[in-house]
Protein backbone atom coordinates (compact mmCIF):
# COMPACT_ATOMS: atom_id res chain seq x y z
CA MET A 1 134.28 179.94 85.64
CA GLY A 2 135.20 177.24 83.12
CA LEU A 3 132.47 178.43 80.75
CA PHE A 4 133.53 182.04 81.44
CA SER A 5 137.02 181.11 80.24
CA ASP A 6 135.62 179.31 77.19
CA ALA A 7 133.63 182.33 76.05
CA TYR A 8 136.48 184.76 76.74
CA SER A 9 138.94 182.74 74.64
CA LEU A 10 136.53 182.10 71.75
CA PHE A 11 134.96 185.54 71.45
CA CYS A 12 137.94 187.83 72.01
CA ILE A 13 138.90 187.12 68.40
CA PRO A 14 136.77 189.74 66.49
CA PRO A 15 138.77 192.82 67.59
CA ILE A 16 142.01 190.83 67.48
CA THR A 17 141.31 189.90 63.86
CA ASN A 18 141.19 193.61 63.02
CA MET A 19 144.45 194.20 64.85
CA LEU A 20 146.14 191.36 62.98
CA GLY A 21 145.01 192.89 59.69
CA ARG A 22 146.54 196.24 60.67
CA ILE A 23 149.81 194.69 61.81
CA TYR A 24 150.47 192.03 59.18
CA TYR A 25 148.45 193.14 56.13
CA PRO A 26 148.47 196.97 56.16
CA HIS A 27 147.16 198.93 53.20
CA PRO A 28 150.01 200.94 51.64
CA HIS A 29 148.02 204.19 51.44
CA HIS A 30 144.84 203.91 53.55
CA SER A 31 145.18 202.50 57.06
CA SER A 32 141.41 202.00 57.42
CA GLN A 33 141.39 199.63 54.42
CA HIS A 34 143.63 196.95 55.91
CA HIS A 35 142.44 193.46 55.10
CA LEU A 36 143.18 190.14 56.75
CA PRO A 37 142.92 187.60 53.91
CA THR A 38 139.81 185.45 54.03
CA ASN A 39 141.76 182.20 54.35
CA ILE A 40 143.79 183.56 57.27
CA SER A 41 140.70 184.87 59.04
CA LEU A 42 138.94 181.53 58.59
CA ALA A 43 141.99 179.65 59.86
CA MET A 44 142.04 181.70 63.07
CA ILE A 45 138.39 180.92 63.72
CA ALA A 46 138.15 177.36 62.39
CA ALA A 47 141.25 176.24 64.32
CA SER A 48 139.67 176.86 67.72
CA LEU A 49 136.29 175.48 66.64
CA LEU A 50 137.76 172.27 65.20
CA GLY A 51 139.88 171.92 68.32
CA ALA A 52 136.73 172.31 70.42
CA ALA A 53 134.98 169.59 68.41
CA ALA A 54 137.93 167.24 68.96
CA GLY A 55 138.04 168.11 72.66
CA GLN A 56 134.35 167.43 73.12
CA LEU A 57 134.64 163.98 71.59
CA VAL A 58 137.84 162.97 73.39
CA PHE A 59 137.13 164.43 76.83
CA GLY A 60 133.48 163.42 76.69
CA CYS A 61 134.54 159.81 76.25
CA LEU A 62 137.28 160.08 78.89
CA GLY A 63 134.81 161.60 81.35
CA ASP A 64 132.74 158.41 81.24
CA ARG A 65 135.74 156.11 81.41
CA MET A 66 137.99 157.85 83.94
CA GLY A 67 135.65 160.08 85.94
CA ARG A 68 134.49 163.68 85.61
CA ARG A 69 136.75 165.34 88.16
CA GLY A 70 140.25 164.42 86.97
CA VAL A 71 139.51 164.69 83.26
CA TYR A 72 137.88 168.09 83.78
CA GLY A 73 141.05 169.26 85.51
CA LEU A 74 143.12 168.09 82.53
CA SER A 75 140.97 170.06 80.08
CA LEU A 76 141.44 173.20 82.19
CA LEU A 77 145.21 172.75 82.20
CA ILE A 78 145.16 172.50 78.40
CA MET A 79 143.16 175.73 78.29
CA VAL A 80 145.74 177.47 80.47
CA ALA A 81 148.63 176.19 78.35
CA GLY A 82 146.85 177.03 75.08
CA SER A 83 146.02 180.59 76.17
CA LEU A 84 149.60 181.26 77.21
CA ALA A 85 151.01 179.64 74.07
CA CYS A 86 148.93 181.94 71.85
CA GLY A 87 150.89 184.86 73.21
CA PHE A 88 154.18 183.27 72.16
CA SER A 89 153.30 182.95 68.47
CA ALA A 90 156.54 184.71 67.56
CA CYS A 91 158.49 184.11 64.35
CA THR A 92 160.45 186.10 61.80
CA THR A 93 157.71 186.01 59.14
CA ARG A 94 154.01 186.80 59.33
CA GLY A 95 153.12 183.41 57.86
CA CYS A 96 154.97 181.68 60.67
CA VAL A 97 153.35 183.89 63.32
CA LEU A 98 149.82 183.32 62.08
CA GLY A 99 150.43 179.63 61.38
CA SER A 100 151.72 179.00 64.90
CA LEU A 101 148.82 181.04 66.30
CA ALA A 102 146.37 178.78 64.46
CA VAL A 103 148.08 175.69 65.92
CA PHE A 104 147.92 177.10 69.45
CA ARG A 105 144.29 178.14 68.93
CA PHE A 106 143.52 174.54 67.98
CA ALA A 107 145.16 173.31 71.20
CA LEU A 108 143.22 175.92 73.17
CA GLY A 109 140.06 174.72 71.45
CA VAL A 110 140.72 171.15 72.59
CA GLY A 111 140.71 172.32 76.20
CA ILE A 112 137.61 174.47 75.64
CA GLY A 113 135.82 171.55 74.01
CA GLY A 114 136.61 169.28 76.93
CA ASP A 115 135.01 171.74 79.31
CA TYR A 116 131.57 171.53 77.67
CA PRO A 117 130.53 167.90 78.27
CA LEU A 118 132.26 167.70 81.62
CA SER A 119 130.79 170.95 82.99
CA ALA A 120 127.28 170.02 81.88
CA THR A 121 127.54 166.48 83.23
CA ILE A 122 129.00 167.56 86.57
CA MET A 123 126.30 170.20 87.05
CA SER A 124 123.44 167.87 86.09
CA GLU A 125 124.69 165.15 88.45
CA PHE A 126 125.01 167.52 91.41
CA ALA A 127 121.63 169.26 90.90
CA ASN A 128 118.17 168.20 92.07
CA ARG A 129 115.30 167.65 89.66
CA ASN A 130 113.24 170.72 90.58
CA THR A 131 115.93 173.34 90.05
CA ARG A 132 118.35 171.49 87.79
CA GLY A 133 117.51 173.56 84.70
CA ALA A 134 117.96 176.90 86.47
CA PHE A 135 121.17 175.66 88.11
CA ILE A 136 122.78 174.58 84.84
CA ALA A 137 121.48 177.65 82.97
CA GLY A 138 122.84 179.91 85.71
CA VAL A 139 126.30 178.43 85.40
CA PHE A 140 126.06 178.47 81.60
CA SER A 141 125.21 182.19 81.77
CA MET A 142 128.85 182.78 82.69
CA GLN A 143 129.44 182.58 78.95
CA GLY A 144 127.78 185.97 78.64
CA PHE A 145 130.09 187.46 81.24
CA GLY A 146 133.05 185.85 79.46
CA ILE A 147 132.05 187.62 76.24
CA LEU A 148 131.66 190.89 78.14
CA ALA A 149 135.01 190.41 79.89
CA SER A 150 136.79 189.80 76.58
CA SER A 151 135.47 193.14 75.32
CA MET A 152 136.35 195.01 78.51
CA VAL A 153 139.86 193.53 78.65
CA THR A 154 140.39 194.49 75.01
CA VAL A 155 139.36 198.08 75.74
CA VAL A 156 141.57 198.35 78.83
CA VAL A 157 144.63 196.75 77.22
CA CYS A 158 144.32 198.87 74.07
CA LYS A 159 143.91 202.09 76.06
CA ILE A 160 147.01 201.27 78.13
CA PHE A 161 149.08 200.54 75.02
CA ALA A 162 147.69 203.62 73.24
CA VAL A 163 148.75 205.87 76.12
CA GLY A 164 152.20 204.32 76.12
CA SER A 165 152.57 204.66 72.34
CA ARG A 166 151.47 208.29 72.33
CA ALA A 167 153.88 209.09 75.13
CA GLY A 168 156.67 207.59 73.04
CA GLY A 169 155.55 209.35 69.87
CA GLY A 170 155.01 206.06 68.04
CA LEU A 171 151.25 206.23 67.42
CA SER A 172 149.67 207.96 64.44
CA ASP A 173 146.79 207.39 62.07
CA GLN A 174 149.14 205.99 59.40
CA HIS A 175 151.49 204.03 61.63
CA THR A 176 150.82 200.86 63.59
CA PRO A 177 153.23 200.82 66.54
CA ALA A 178 155.24 197.76 67.49
CA GLY A 179 153.35 197.67 70.77
CA ALA A 180 150.19 196.57 68.94
CA ASP A 181 151.91 193.27 68.20
CA VAL A 182 152.21 192.79 71.96
CA ALA A 183 148.72 194.03 72.85
CA TRP A 184 146.80 191.27 71.06
CA ARG A 185 149.06 188.67 72.67
CA VAL A 186 148.32 190.06 76.14
CA ILE A 187 144.57 189.91 75.45
CA LEU A 188 144.80 186.24 74.48
CA MET A 189 147.11 185.28 77.34
CA LEU A 190 144.85 186.80 79.99
CA GLY A 191 142.36 184.04 79.17
CA ALA A 192 144.60 181.71 81.18
CA VAL A 193 143.75 183.48 84.46
CA PRO A 194 140.12 182.37 84.94
CA ALA A 195 140.96 178.87 83.67
CA ALA A 196 143.73 178.52 86.26
CA LEU A 197 141.43 179.71 89.06
CA THR A 198 138.76 177.25 87.93
CA TYR A 199 141.25 174.40 88.09
CA TYR A 200 142.06 175.20 91.70
CA TRP A 201 138.40 175.39 92.76
CA ARG A 202 137.37 172.29 90.84
CA MET A 203 140.08 170.14 92.41
CA LEU A 204 138.60 170.95 95.83
CA MET A 205 135.36 169.19 94.87
CA PRO A 206 134.81 165.41 94.94
CA GLU A 207 133.74 163.18 92.07
CA THR A 208 130.01 163.37 91.32
CA ALA A 209 127.96 160.96 93.41
CA ARG A 210 126.10 159.56 90.42
CA TYR A 211 129.33 158.62 88.66
CA THR A 212 130.74 157.04 91.81
CA ALA A 213 127.54 155.10 92.52
CA LEU A 214 126.30 154.16 89.05
CA VAL A 215 129.51 153.80 87.06
CA GLU A 216 132.10 152.85 89.69
CA ASN A 217 129.43 150.99 91.72
CA ASN A 218 130.73 152.48 94.97
CA VAL A 219 127.53 153.64 96.68
CA LEU A 220 129.14 154.08 100.09
CA GLN A 221 131.82 156.45 98.75
CA ALA A 222 129.16 158.39 96.86
CA ALA A 223 127.18 158.83 100.08
CA ARG A 224 130.29 159.99 101.92
CA ASP A 225 131.02 162.57 99.23
CA MET A 226 127.47 163.88 99.38
CA GLU A 227 127.67 164.00 103.17
CA LYS A 228 130.58 166.46 102.88
CA ILE A 229 128.85 168.63 100.28
CA LEU A 230 125.39 168.73 101.88
CA ASP A 231 126.61 168.70 105.48
CA LEU A 232 124.12 165.92 106.27
CA PRO A 233 124.62 162.59 108.02
CA LEU A 234 124.46 159.50 105.82
CA SER A 235 121.07 158.51 107.22
CA GLN A 236 119.41 161.66 105.80
CA ILE A 237 120.74 161.37 102.24
CA GLN A 238 118.07 160.10 99.85
CA GLU A 239 118.64 159.19 96.25
CA ASP A 240 116.57 157.62 93.52
CA LYS A 241 117.03 153.89 93.23
CA PRO A 242 119.67 153.19 90.56
CA LEU A 243 118.52 151.45 87.42
CA ASP A 244 119.57 147.97 86.55
CA ASP A 245 122.33 148.89 84.15
CA ASP A 246 122.34 146.84 80.96
CA ASP A 247 125.81 146.84 79.52
CA PHE A 248 125.06 147.87 75.93
CA ALA A 249 127.70 149.67 73.89
CA LEU A 250 127.55 153.18 72.51
CA LEU A 251 125.88 153.23 69.07
CA SER A 252 124.93 149.55 69.35
CA THR A 253 121.52 148.44 68.09
CA ARG A 254 120.16 148.49 71.63
CA PHE A 255 121.58 151.96 72.25
CA LEU A 256 120.08 153.30 69.04
CA ARG A 257 116.72 151.76 69.85
CA ARG A 258 116.70 153.32 73.32
CA HIS A 259 118.54 156.60 72.75
CA GLY A 260 119.14 157.04 69.03
CA VAL A 261 116.35 159.55 68.47
CA GLU A 262 117.46 161.62 71.48
CA LEU A 263 121.09 161.64 70.32
CA PHE A 264 120.02 162.67 66.82
CA SER A 265 117.82 165.43 68.24
CA CYS A 266 120.55 166.82 70.52
CA ALA A 267 123.22 166.72 67.81
CA ALA A 268 121.03 168.12 65.02
CA THR A 269 119.61 171.03 67.02
CA TRP A 270 123.06 171.94 68.35
CA PHE A 271 124.45 171.83 64.78
CA LEU A 272 121.71 174.11 63.46
CA LEU A 273 122.00 176.51 66.40
CA ASP A 274 125.76 176.90 66.05
CA VAL A 275 125.54 177.53 62.30
CA ALA A 276 123.62 180.71 63.14
CA PHE A 277 125.01 181.63 66.57
CA TYR A 278 128.73 181.41 65.87
CA SER A 279 128.60 182.93 62.39
CA SER A 280 126.86 185.98 63.87
CA ASN A 281 129.10 186.18 66.93
CA LEU A 282 132.52 185.63 65.39
CA PHE A 283 132.09 188.12 62.56
CA GLN A 284 130.72 191.02 64.54
CA SER A 285 133.54 193.29 63.36
CA GLN A 286 132.37 192.93 59.74
CA ILE A 287 128.68 193.22 60.62
CA TYR A 288 129.35 196.36 62.69
CA GLN A 289 131.54 197.96 60.04
CA GLN A 290 129.02 200.56 58.85
CA TYR A 291 128.47 201.69 62.47
CA LEU A 292 132.15 202.07 63.39
CA THR A 293 132.95 205.28 61.47
CA LEU A 294 136.42 204.12 60.50
CA ASP A 295 138.63 206.30 58.31
CA ASP A 296 142.32 206.93 57.81
CA SER A 297 142.46 208.90 61.07
CA THR A 298 141.52 205.81 63.12
CA ASP A 299 144.52 204.10 64.70
CA VAL A 300 144.84 200.40 65.47
CA TYR A 301 143.85 200.71 69.14
CA GLU A 302 140.87 202.96 68.48
CA GLU A 303 139.49 200.51 65.92
CA ALA A 304 139.80 197.56 68.31
CA ILE A 305 138.16 199.60 71.08
CA LYS A 306 135.21 200.48 68.84
CA VAL A 307 134.64 196.84 67.84
CA ALA A 308 134.95 195.67 71.45
CA GLY A 309 132.60 198.44 72.60
CA LEU A 310 129.82 197.36 70.25
CA GLN A 311 130.42 193.75 71.24
CA ALA A 312 130.06 194.73 74.91
CA LEU A 313 126.87 196.67 74.14
CA ILE A 314 125.29 193.57 72.58
CA ALA A 315 126.44 191.43 75.52
CA ILE A 316 124.95 193.79 78.13
CA SER A 317 121.69 194.56 76.33
CA ALA A 318 120.86 191.19 74.76
CA THR A 319 123.21 188.27 75.44
CA ILE A 320 123.33 188.32 79.26
CA PRO A 321 119.61 189.17 79.72
CA GLY A 322 118.77 186.23 77.45
CA TYR A 323 120.63 183.85 79.73
CA TYR A 324 118.81 185.09 82.82
CA PHE A 325 115.39 184.88 81.21
CA THR A 326 116.22 181.22 80.68
CA VAL A 327 117.30 180.82 84.31
CA PHE A 328 113.94 182.20 85.44
CA PHE A 329 111.66 180.34 83.04
CA ILE A 330 113.34 177.02 82.27
CA ASP A 331 111.93 175.12 85.27
CA ARG A 332 108.54 176.79 84.81
CA VAL A 333 108.05 176.54 81.04
CA GLY A 334 110.37 173.68 80.14
CA ARG A 335 113.34 173.13 77.84
CA ARG A 336 111.34 172.10 74.78
CA LYS A 337 109.06 175.16 74.66
CA ILE A 338 111.94 177.58 75.20
CA GLN A 339 113.93 175.91 72.41
CA LEU A 340 110.95 176.03 70.03
CA MET A 341 110.34 179.70 70.81
CA GLY A 342 114.01 180.63 70.46
CA PHE A 343 114.56 178.94 67.11
CA THR A 344 111.32 180.36 65.68
CA LEU A 345 111.94 183.96 66.73
CA MET A 346 115.58 183.80 65.61
CA GLY A 347 114.33 182.67 62.20
CA PHE A 348 111.97 185.64 61.89
CA LEU A 349 114.67 188.05 63.09
CA TYR A 350 117.22 186.82 60.54
CA LEU A 351 114.62 187.18 57.80
CA GLY A 352 113.89 190.67 59.13
CA LEU A 353 117.59 191.47 58.79
CA GLY A 354 118.13 189.78 55.44
CA ILE A 355 115.10 190.49 53.26
CA PRO A 356 115.22 194.31 53.71
CA TYR A 357 119.04 194.27 53.96
CA PHE A 358 119.42 197.09 51.42
CA PHE A 359 117.10 199.24 53.52
CA TRP A 360 119.18 198.65 56.68
CA ARG A 361 122.50 199.30 54.91
CA LYS A 362 121.90 202.56 53.09
CA PRO A 363 121.33 204.76 56.15
CA LYS A 364 123.04 203.91 59.41
CA HIS A 365 119.78 202.52 60.68
CA ALA A 366 119.60 201.70 64.39
CA GLY A 367 116.92 199.12 63.62
CA PHE A 368 119.53 196.75 62.21
CA ILE A 369 121.52 196.71 65.46
CA ILE A 370 118.32 196.25 67.49
CA LEU A 371 117.20 193.24 65.45
CA TYR A 372 120.73 191.87 65.42
CA GLY A 373 120.91 192.14 69.22
CA LEU A 374 117.56 190.37 69.56
CA THR A 375 118.96 187.36 67.68
CA PHE A 376 121.43 186.95 70.55
CA PHE A 377 118.71 187.46 73.15
CA PHE A 378 116.54 184.69 71.72
CA ALA A 379 119.53 182.46 71.07
CA ASN A 380 120.35 182.54 74.78
CA PHE A 381 116.71 182.63 75.89
CA GLY A 382 116.39 179.66 73.61
CA PRO A 383 118.49 176.97 71.93
CA ASN A 384 121.99 178.13 72.88
CA THR A 385 121.19 177.30 76.51
CA THR A 386 118.80 174.39 76.05
CA THR A 387 121.06 172.48 73.65
CA PHE A 388 123.69 172.57 76.39
CA ILE A 389 121.30 171.37 79.10
CA VAL A 390 119.20 168.64 77.46
CA PRO A 391 122.03 166.22 76.50
CA ALA A 392 123.18 166.23 80.13
CA GLU A 393 119.73 165.01 81.25
CA LEU A 394 118.75 162.31 78.76
CA PHE A 395 121.44 159.65 78.70
CA PRO A 396 122.56 156.97 81.20
CA ALA A 397 125.34 157.93 83.62
CA ARG A 398 127.99 155.73 82.02
CA LEU A 399 127.37 157.34 78.58
CA ARG A 400 126.22 160.82 79.62
CA SER A 401 129.46 162.70 79.05
CA THR A 402 130.18 160.85 75.79
CA CYS A 403 126.75 161.62 74.31
CA HIS A 404 127.00 165.26 75.38
CA GLY A 405 130.41 165.40 73.70
CA ILE A 406 129.02 163.93 70.46
CA SER A 407 126.18 166.46 70.47
CA GLY A 408 128.50 169.38 71.19
CA ALA A 409 131.10 168.30 68.62
CA THR A 410 128.37 168.17 65.99
CA GLY A 411 127.46 171.69 67.03
CA LYS A 412 131.01 172.92 66.58
CA ILE A 413 131.10 171.42 63.09
CA GLY A 414 127.99 173.50 62.46
CA ALA A 415 129.86 176.53 63.78
CA VAL A 416 132.64 175.92 61.24
CA VAL A 417 130.07 175.55 58.44
CA GLY A 418 128.39 178.80 59.50
CA ALA A 419 131.69 180.66 59.90
CA VAL A 420 132.95 179.60 56.48
CA GLY A 421 129.63 180.47 54.86
CA ILE A 422 129.29 183.93 56.37
CA GLN A 423 132.94 184.78 55.71
CA ARG A 424 132.63 183.68 52.09
CA ALA A 425 129.50 185.79 51.79
CA TRP A 426 131.31 188.77 53.30
CA GLY A 427 134.30 188.23 51.02
CA SER A 428 131.99 188.10 48.01
CA SER A 429 130.45 191.37 49.13
CA GLY A 430 133.52 193.14 47.82
CA GLU A 431 132.63 192.21 44.22
CA TYR A 432 130.93 195.20 42.63
CA ASN A 433 128.97 195.26 39.37
CA GLU A 434 128.64 198.76 37.92
CA GLY A 435 125.30 197.81 36.37
CA ASP A 436 123.91 196.75 39.74
CA PRO A 437 124.74 199.17 42.61
CA ASP A 438 123.51 196.65 45.19
CA SER A 439 125.59 193.74 43.86
CA LYS A 440 128.14 193.85 46.69
CA LEU A 441 125.36 193.55 49.29
CA LYS A 442 123.53 190.56 47.82
CA PRO A 443 125.77 187.76 49.23
CA MET A 444 125.37 188.99 52.81
CA ARG A 445 121.65 189.40 52.33
CA ALA A 446 121.43 185.81 51.08
CA ALA A 447 123.51 184.59 54.04
CA LEU A 448 121.13 186.19 56.55
CA VAL A 449 118.11 184.67 54.82
CA VAL A 450 119.79 181.25 54.88
CA LEU A 451 120.45 181.64 58.62
CA GLY A 452 116.74 182.31 59.06
CA ALA A 453 115.90 179.11 57.20
CA VAL A 454 118.40 177.19 59.34
CA CYS A 455 116.65 178.40 62.49
CA PHE A 456 113.24 177.36 61.18
CA LEU A 457 114.69 173.92 60.47
CA GLY A 458 115.79 173.86 64.11
CA THR A 459 112.17 174.52 65.09
CA VAL A 460 111.03 171.52 63.03
CA VAL A 461 113.66 169.17 64.49
CA THR A 462 112.87 170.31 68.03
CA TYR A 463 109.13 169.84 67.55
CA ALA A 464 109.55 166.38 66.01
CA PHE A 465 112.27 164.85 68.17
CA THR A 466 113.20 166.77 71.34
CA PRO A 467 111.61 165.40 74.56
CA GLU A 468 110.84 167.39 77.69
CA THR A 469 113.08 166.68 80.70
CA MET A 470 111.79 169.27 83.17
CA ARG A 471 111.37 168.18 86.82
CA ARG A 472 112.34 164.58 86.21
CA SER A 473 115.35 163.02 87.86
CA LEU A 474 118.12 161.79 85.60
CA GLU A 475 117.11 158.25 86.56
CA GLU A 476 113.46 158.89 85.61
CA ASN A 477 114.49 160.21 82.21
CA GLU A 478 116.54 157.05 81.68
CA LYS A 479 113.72 154.84 82.96
CA GLU A 480 111.26 156.43 80.51
CA ARG A 481 113.60 155.70 77.64
CA GLU A 482 113.92 152.11 78.88
CA THR A 483 110.12 151.70 78.93
CA GLU A 484 109.73 153.18 75.46
CA SER A 485 112.36 150.81 74.11
CA ASP A 486 110.01 147.89 74.70
CA VAL A 487 108.03 149.18 71.71
CA PRO A 488 109.69 148.38 68.35
CA ALA A 489 111.47 151.42 66.98
CA VAL A 490 113.23 152.28 63.76
CA ALA A 491 117.00 152.35 64.24
CA LEU A 492 118.70 155.48 62.99
């Protein structure tokens, strides 16, 4: 449920961005031509992503120093507080409202970021080697349901407010009712509900046995905790023999020799994936624009419902199935092959969208939406899931959460890079040259081609540096790295 909350809070923003444009930057004559300034739109998105990067670094480190359980609970509480605070972004000027919203989105992002390394580490340390990939991927698939829930909640909330506004005579195609300024706040605040429930359930669970045994060196307590979870007597609990733990520091020469390549691989592939994945996901309202049939008769609620509806369609038809294909195949095919396949096919799909972009844009061609949906399918049946799993399997217990946090934070920086790039491309698409009728489409076409190239680069990095971790215990993965470190290696 933690990852469900993460996805809900991050991906409810596309329809809300449209609502904010209607409310705070209305067009004086044409309601369908409202425009949220590029810098404001980027601030709304970048704030939560930068907060997530900070949260991954801070909570990843704290998870290794203070334990997974308590620190995970703290990150969930920050998510609850951040979600609720977003609804109270109330001031007398629009600049103050949007500025305070960006601050609260950053705080929310910190909590979301903390959830990533801690969730992955907790799941990897509770799972067994044979089904660990499917177990983590199954939990990670809750992201898809979080995206779907954000769309469904948006539809329900907007319909309720639309009915109320029509009953009061305050809704028309040229007028944005005051209730719309409440509706987007309700959508954001409802993200606190699953986070609060997750906090309650997580506090009922003990610390992970691997952390207790390998980091706190309390093997007896670890066995007692596992006895409660597995409902087995101590005599029947078997565990791999712990490694002799050399006390080398993070990013020391010895660490880089043993784990530097793996850390580079995890961070680089996550960065490249998020450049493409988040730029496509967070700007769905712009990408869908030609399919929305918006005109001056479309009111604020109807527009948000249309954006959320298309977002839900992509989630049901492509995003969620992609997660479950990974659940089924990851312990049969392996992480590395799935990641290679996903990056490669995403690259071809983005090129298929970008190179003939003028062809897709002129008619309302269904082929564009189909290819666009397939990018999400192969992101989730591919690197979006595997980049989350692999860092939780490669590193020693006392550095596992920290290294996952470093990898994930690098990914979120990639998300910011992708979001800024695609938004700038979309903003440039408004520039029209009378001598070139297609001039306003060229920046978006170039952006899609660049995303294809980014995915192919992800294929290269995966092929060159990403190891396979399937059906090996966490201790065996660590032991293999220890053995390889006996051979001289080039420090990164």
